[in-house]
Amino acid sequence: MYLTAEKKSEIFKKFGKSEANTGSTEGQIALFTYRINNLTEKLKTNKKDKVTQRSLLKMVGKRRQLLNYLKDKNIEGYRVLIKELEIRK
């Protein structure tokens, strides 16, 4: 499995300020980014996997909603998170 409990708690510890704070917007965005990157790599080898492609698009949309929320509430946190996760090229 690509996302173990240790990896998940590590992501929330780094971006969500604690591993127990799984509801923080920053932590959720970081988790979605990790999952999106993983699915993108999978789709590079399995180009015709439409189910994975659809779930990837849903995750990108969900992450976009969370990023818009964060931008409205905390613009500085948004800018730091974008830079740390390297979402914008």
C-alpha atoms as a PDB file:
ATOM      1  CA  MET A   1       0.000   0.000   0.000  1.00  0.00           C
ATOM      2  CA  TYR A   2       1.367   3.387  -0.954  1.00  0.00           C
ATOM      3  CA  LEU A   3      -0.119   5.344   1.961  1.00  0.00           C
ATOM      4  CA  THR A   4       0.755   3.785   5.286  1.00  0.00           C
ATOM      5  CA  ALA A   5      -0.389   5.077   8.652  1.00  0.00           C
ATOM      6  CA  GLU A   6       3.159   6.242   9.385  1.00  0.00           C
ATOM      7  CA  LYS A   7       3.328   8.257   6.160  1.00  0.00           C
ATOM      8  CA  LYS A   8      -0.074   9.787   6.829  1.00  0.00           C
ATOM      9  CA  SER A   9       0.855  10.818  10.376  1.00  0.00           C
ATOM     10  CA  GLU A  10       4.151  12.220   9.066  1.00  0.00           C
ATOM     11  CA  ILE A  11       2.284  14.392   6.542  1.00  0.00           C
ATOM     12  CA  PHE A  12      -0.114  15.693   9.200  1.00  0.00           C
ATOM     13  CA  LYS A  13       2.719  16.302  11.646  1.00  0.00           C
ATOM     14  CA  LYS A  14       4.599  18.391   9.084  1.00  0.00           C
ATOM     15  CA  PHE A  15       1.698  20.353   7.609  1.00  0.00           C
ATOM     16  CA  GLY A  16      -1.150  20.033  10.128  1.00  0.00           C
ATOM     17  CA  LYS A  17       0.963  21.079  13.131  1.00  0.00           C
ATOM     18  CA  SER A  18       0.299  17.738  14.901  1.00  0.00           C
ATOM     19  CA  GLU A  19      -0.479  14.195  13.854  1.00  0.00           C
ATOM     20  CA  ALA A  20      -3.808  14.286  15.692  1.00  0.00           C
ATOM     21  CA  ASN A  21      -4.948  17.389  13.788  1.00  0.00           C
ATOM     22  CA  THR A  22      -6.206  15.578  10.700  1.00  0.00           C
ATOM     23  CA  GLY A  23      -8.877  18.177  10.005  1.00  0.00           C
ATOM     24  CA  SER A  24      -6.557  21.094   9.318  1.00  0.00           C
ATOM     25  CA  THR A  25      -6.860  22.529   5.845  1.00  0.00           C
ATOM     26  CA  GLU A  26      -3.096  22.523   5.299  1.00  0.00           C
ATOM     27  CA  GLY A  27      -2.807  18.872   6.298  1.00  0.00           C
ATOM     28  CA  GLN A  28      -5.661  17.826   4.029  1.00  0.00           C
ATOM     29  CA  ILE A  29      -4.158  19.701   1.083  1.00  0.00           C
ATOM     30  CA  ALA A  30      -0.792  18.043   1.694  1.00  0.00           C
ATOM     31  CA  LEU A  31      -2.424  14.602   1.846  1.00  0.00           C
ATOM     32  CA  PHE A  32      -4.351  15.227  -1.375  1.00  0.00           C
ATOM     33  CA  THR A  33      -1.125  16.386  -3.038  1.00  0.00           C
ATOM     34  CA  TYR A  34       0.649  13.187  -2.006  1.00  0.00           C
ATOM     35  CA  ARG A  35      -2.215  11.063  -3.329  1.00  0.00           C
ATOM     36  CA  ILE A  36      -2.450  13.082  -6.574  1.00  0.00           C
ATOM     37  CA  ASN A  37       1.258  12.657  -7.230  1.00  0.00           C
ATOM     38  CA  ASN A  38       0.949   8.912  -6.659  1.00  0.00           C
ATOM     39  CA  LEU A  39      -2.014   8.568  -9.033  1.00  0.00           C
ATOM     40  CA  THR A  40      -0.243  10.666 -11.654  1.00  0.00           C
ATOM     41  CA  GLU A  41       2.685   8.248 -11.619  1.00  0.00           C
ATOM     42  CA  LYS A  42       0.301   5.313 -11.932  1.00  0.00           C
ATOM     43  CA  LEU A  43      -1.457   6.892 -14.910  1.00  0.00           C
ATOM     44  CA  LYS A  44       1.850   7.356 -16.717  1.00  0.00           C
ATOM     45  CA  THR A  45       2.124   3.569 -17.003  1.00  0.00           C
ATOM     46  CA  ASN A  46      -1.610   2.749 -17.311  1.00  0.00           C
ATOM     47  CA  LYS A  47      -2.876   5.352 -19.756  1.00  0.00           C
ATOM     48  CA  LYS A  48      -6.276   3.694 -20.318  1.00  0.00           C
ATOM     49  CA  ASP A  49      -7.232   3.365 -16.644  1.00  0.00           C
ATOM     50  CA  LYS A  50     -10.348   5.548 -16.711  1.00  0.00           C
ATOM     51  CA  VAL A  51     -11.395   4.836 -13.115  1.00  0.00           C
ATOM     52  CA  THR A  52      -8.085   6.099 -11.772  1.00  0.00           C
ATOM     53  CA  GLN A  53      -8.256   9.083 -14.110  1.00  0.00           C
ATOM     54  CA  ARG A  54     -11.710  10.004 -12.804  1.00  0.00           C
ATOM     55  CA  SER A  55     -10.662   9.689  -9.172  1.00  0.00           C
ATOM     56  CA  LEU A  56      -7.599  11.825  -9.900  1.00  0.00           C
ATOM     57  CA  LEU A  57      -9.792  14.579 -11.354  1.00  0.00           C
ATOM     58  CA  LYS A  58     -12.093  14.430  -8.315  1.00  0.00           C
ATOM     59  CA  MET A  59      -9.106  14.739  -5.973  1.00  0.00           C
ATOM     60  CA  VAL A  60      -7.708  17.695  -7.899  1.00  0.00           C
ATOM     61  CA  GLY A  61     -11.098  19.417  -7.666  1.00  0.00           C
ATOM     62  CA  LYS A  62     -11.341  18.755  -3.942  1.00  0.00           C
ATOM     63  CA  ARG A  63      -7.817  20.081  -3.384  1.00  0.00           C
ATOM     64  CA  ARG A  64      -8.716  23.164  -5.443  1.00  0.00           C
ATOM     65  CA  GLN A  65     -11.712  23.822  -3.167  1.00  0.00           C
ATOM     66  CA  LEU A  66      -9.539  23.521  -0.071  1.00  0.00           C
ATOM     67  CA  LEU A  67      -6.907  25.821  -1.582  1.00  0.00           C
ATOM     68  CA  ASN A  68      -9.558  28.443  -2.373  1.00  0.00           C
ATOM     69  CA  TYR A  69     -10.832  28.235   1.205  1.00  0.00           C
ATOM     70  CA  LEU A  70      -7.311  28.611   2.593  1.00  0.00           C
ATOM     71  CA  LYS A  71      -6.619  31.548   0.286  1.00  0.00           C
ATOM     72  CA  ASP A  72      -9.726  33.337   1.567  1.00  0.00           C
ATOM     73  CA  LYS A  73      -8.944  32.665   5.237  1.00  0.00           C
ATOM     74  CA  ASN A  74      -5.131  32.876   5.394  1.00  0.00           C
ATOM     75  CA  ILE A  75      -3.323  34.234   2.342  1.00  0.00           C
ATOM     76  CA  GLU A  76       0.147  33.968   3.913  1.00  0.00           C
ATOM     77  CA  GLY A  77      -0.414  30.344   4.892  1.00  0.00           C
ATOM     78  CA  TYR A  78      -1.646  29.695   1.350  1.00  0.00           C
ATOM     79  CA  ARG A  79       1.516  31.138  -0.190  1.00  0.00           C
ATOM     80  CA  VAL A  80       3.792  29.179   2.154  1.00  0.00           C
ATOM     81  CA  LEU A  81       1.929  25.930   1.480  1.00  0.00           C
ATOM     82  CA  ILE A  82       2.027  26.404  -2.300  1.00  0.00           C
ATOM     83  CA  LYS A  83       5.768  26.956  -2.139  1.00  0.00           C
ATOM     84  CA  GLU A  84       6.427  23.998   0.193  1.00  0.00           C
ATOM     85  CA  LEU A  85       4.323  21.530  -1.784  1.00  0.00           C
ATOM     86  CA  GLU A  86       5.534  22.891  -5.141  1.00  0.00           C
ATOM     87  CA  ILE A  87       2.009  22.878  -6.533  1.00  0.00           C
ATOM     88  CA  ARG A  88       2.532  25.816  -8.885  1.00  0.00           C
ATOM     89  CA  LYS A  89       5.282  25.345 -11.412  1.00  0.00           C
END
